[in-house]
C-alpha cells in the first residue's frame, strides 16, 4: 500500500475526524534499516506497524474491537 492509499484508508476509517500519518526510516549504521508506519485518529492512540496495512489494522481493531478475529483454540 502506498502513502496516498493509506491516507484514503485512514480518512475512511476515521470518519472525517482529525488524523495523522507518519512514515519513518531509521538506518542504524550497521546495515540495518527499520521502517515505521504510524497512524492516528482523534479518539485513539498512535498505532505503528512495519506496513501501512499492519498499522491500519491495529487502529481498526482498537476502534472496533468486535472486528478483531477471536483466536483459534489451538493458538491458546
C-alpha atoms as a PDB file:
ATOM      1  CA  UNK A   1       0.000   0.000   0.000  1.00  0.00           C
ATOM      2  CA  UNK A   2       1.320   3.413  -0.935  1.00  0.00           C
ATOM      3  CA  UNK A   3       1.146   6.555   1.207  1.00  0.00           C
ATOM      4  CA  UNK A   4      -1.791   8.080  -0.677  1.00  0.00           C
ATOM      5  CA  UNK A   5      -3.732   4.809  -0.418  1.00  0.00           C
ATOM      6  CA  UNK A   6      -3.047   4.698   3.327  1.00  0.00           C
ATOM      7  CA  UNK A   7      -4.184   8.305   3.586  1.00  0.00           C
ATOM      8  CA  UNK A   8      -7.508   7.483   1.930  1.00  0.00           C
ATOM      9  CA  UNK A   9      -7.968   4.350   4.060  1.00  0.00           C
ATOM     10  CA  UNK A  10      -7.336   6.349   7.242  1.00  0.00           C
ATOM     11  CA  UNK A  11      -9.736   9.075   6.097  1.00  0.00           C
ATOM     12  CA  UNK A  12     -12.465   6.474   5.628  1.00  0.00           C
ATOM     13  CA  UNK A  13     -11.699   4.692   8.919  1.00  0.00           C
ATOM     14  CA  UNK A  14     -11.595   7.937  10.924  1.00  0.00           C
ATOM     15  CA  UNK A  15     -14.937   9.098   9.503  1.00  0.00           C
ATOM     16  CA  UNK A  16     -13.686  12.637   8.944  1.00  0.00           C
ATOM     17  CA  UNK A  17     -12.099  13.149  12.374  1.00  0.00           C
ATOM     18  CA  UNK A  18      -8.629  14.601  12.879  1.00  0.00           C
ATOM     19  CA  UNK A  19      -5.988  12.138  11.656  1.00  0.00           C
ATOM     20  CA  UNK A  20      -2.262  11.819  11.110  1.00  0.00           C
ATOM     21  CA  UNK A  21       0.044   9.524   9.134  1.00  0.00           C
ATOM     22  CA  UNK A  22       3.813   9.275   9.602  1.00  0.00           C
ATOM     23  CA  UNK A  23       6.428   7.253   7.768  1.00  0.00           C
ATOM     24  CA  UNK A  24       9.850   6.852   9.313  1.00  0.00           C
ATOM     25  CA  UNK A  25      13.014   5.130   8.144  1.00  0.00           C
ATOM     26  CA  UNK A  26      15.917   4.588  10.513  1.00  0.00           C
ATOM     27  CA  UNK A  27      19.305   3.365   9.279  1.00  0.00           C
ATOM     28  CA  UNK A  28      21.233   2.061  12.268  1.00  0.00           C
ATOM     29  CA  UNK A  29      24.705   2.494  10.760  1.00  0.00           C
ATOM     30  CA  UNK A  30      25.404  -1.242  10.777  1.00  0.00           C
ATOM     31  CA  UNK A  31      23.490  -2.069   7.616  1.00  0.00           C
ATOM     32  CA  UNK A  32      20.089  -2.458   9.263  1.00  0.00           C
ATOM     33  CA  UNK A  33      17.034  -0.426   8.414  1.00  0.00           C
ATOM     34  CA  UNK A  34      13.833  -0.038  10.383  1.00  0.00           C
ATOM     35  CA  UNK A  35      10.609   1.200   8.818  1.00  0.00           C
ATOM     36  CA  UNK A  36       7.714   2.530  10.888  1.00  0.00           C
ATOM     37  CA  UNK A  37       4.286   3.399   9.553  1.00  0.00           C
ATOM     38  CA  UNK A  38       2.286   5.284  12.178  1.00  0.00           C
ATOM     39  CA  UNK A  39      -1.411   6.147  12.033  1.00  0.00           C
ATOM     40  CA  UNK A  40      -3.509   8.181  14.446  1.00  0.00           C
ATOM     41  CA  UNK A  41      -7.048   9.437  14.606  1.00  0.00           C
ATOM     42  CA  UNK A  42      -8.805  11.532  17.209  1.00  0.00           C
ATOM     43  CA  UNK A  43     -10.095   9.315  19.994  1.00  0.00           C
ATOM     44  CA  UNK A  44      -7.481   6.579  19.578  1.00  0.00           C
ATOM     45  CA  UNK A  45      -3.790   6.109  20.280  1.00  0.00           C
ATOM     46  CA  UNK A  46      -0.991   6.025  17.722  1.00  0.00           C
ATOM     47  CA  UNK A  47      -0.614   2.619  16.090  1.00  0.00           C
ATOM     48  CA  UNK A  48       2.643   1.521  14.489  1.00  0.00           C
ATOM     49  CA  UNK A  49       3.378  -1.231  12.014  1.00  0.00           C
ATOM     50  CA  UNK A  50       6.069  -2.278   9.572  1.00  0.00           C
ATOM     51  CA  UNK A  51       3.494  -1.667   6.801  1.00  0.00           C
ATOM     52  CA  UNK A  52       0.535   0.650   6.355  1.00  0.00           C
ATOM     53  CA  UNK A  53      -1.774  -2.367   6.349  1.00  0.00           C
ATOM     54  CA  UNK A  54      -0.469  -3.525   9.728  1.00  0.00           C
ATOM     55  CA  UNK A  55      -0.764  -0.088  11.324  1.00  0.00           C
ATOM     56  CA  UNK A  56      -4.261   0.499   9.926  1.00  0.00           C
ATOM     57  CA  UNK A  57      -5.419  -2.926  11.089  1.00  0.00           C
ATOM     58  CA  UNK A  58      -4.194  -2.234  14.633  1.00  0.00           C
ATOM     59  CA  UNK A  59      -6.060   1.062  14.612  1.00  0.00           C
ATOM     60  CA  UNK A  60      -9.230  -0.553  13.275  1.00  0.00           C
ATOM     61  CA  UNK A  61      -9.191  -3.233  15.989  1.00  0.00           C
ATOM     62  CA  UNK A  62      -8.606  -0.587  18.664  1.00  0.00           C
ATOM     63  CA  UNK A  63     -11.538   1.469  17.395  1.00  0.00           C
ATOM     64  CA  UNK A  64     -13.806  -1.522  16.735  1.00  0.00           C
ATOM     65  CA  UNK A  65     -12.748  -4.437  18.995  1.00  0.00           C
ATOM     66  CA  UNK A  66     -15.654  -6.541  17.734  1.00  0.00           C
ATOM     67  CA  UNK A  67     -13.985  -6.710  14.293  1.00  0.00           C
ATOM     68  CA  UNK A  68     -10.868  -8.408  15.659  1.00  0.00           C
ATOM     69  CA  UNK A  69     -10.983 -12.120  14.928  1.00  0.00           C
ATOM     70  CA  UNK A  70     -11.049 -14.303  18.004  1.00  0.00           C
ATOM     71  CA  UNK A  71      -8.013 -16.571  18.385  1.00  0.00           C
ATOM     72  CA  UNK A  72      -8.324 -20.225  17.497  1.00  0.00           C
ATOM     73  CA  UNK A  73      -8.489 -22.530  20.485  1.00  0.00           C
ATOM     74  CA  UNK A  74      -5.348 -24.246  19.170  1.00  0.00           C
ATOM     75  CA  UNK A  75      -3.421 -20.947  19.388  1.00  0.00           C
ATOM     76  CA  UNK A  76      -4.096 -20.546  23.109  1.00  0.00           C
END
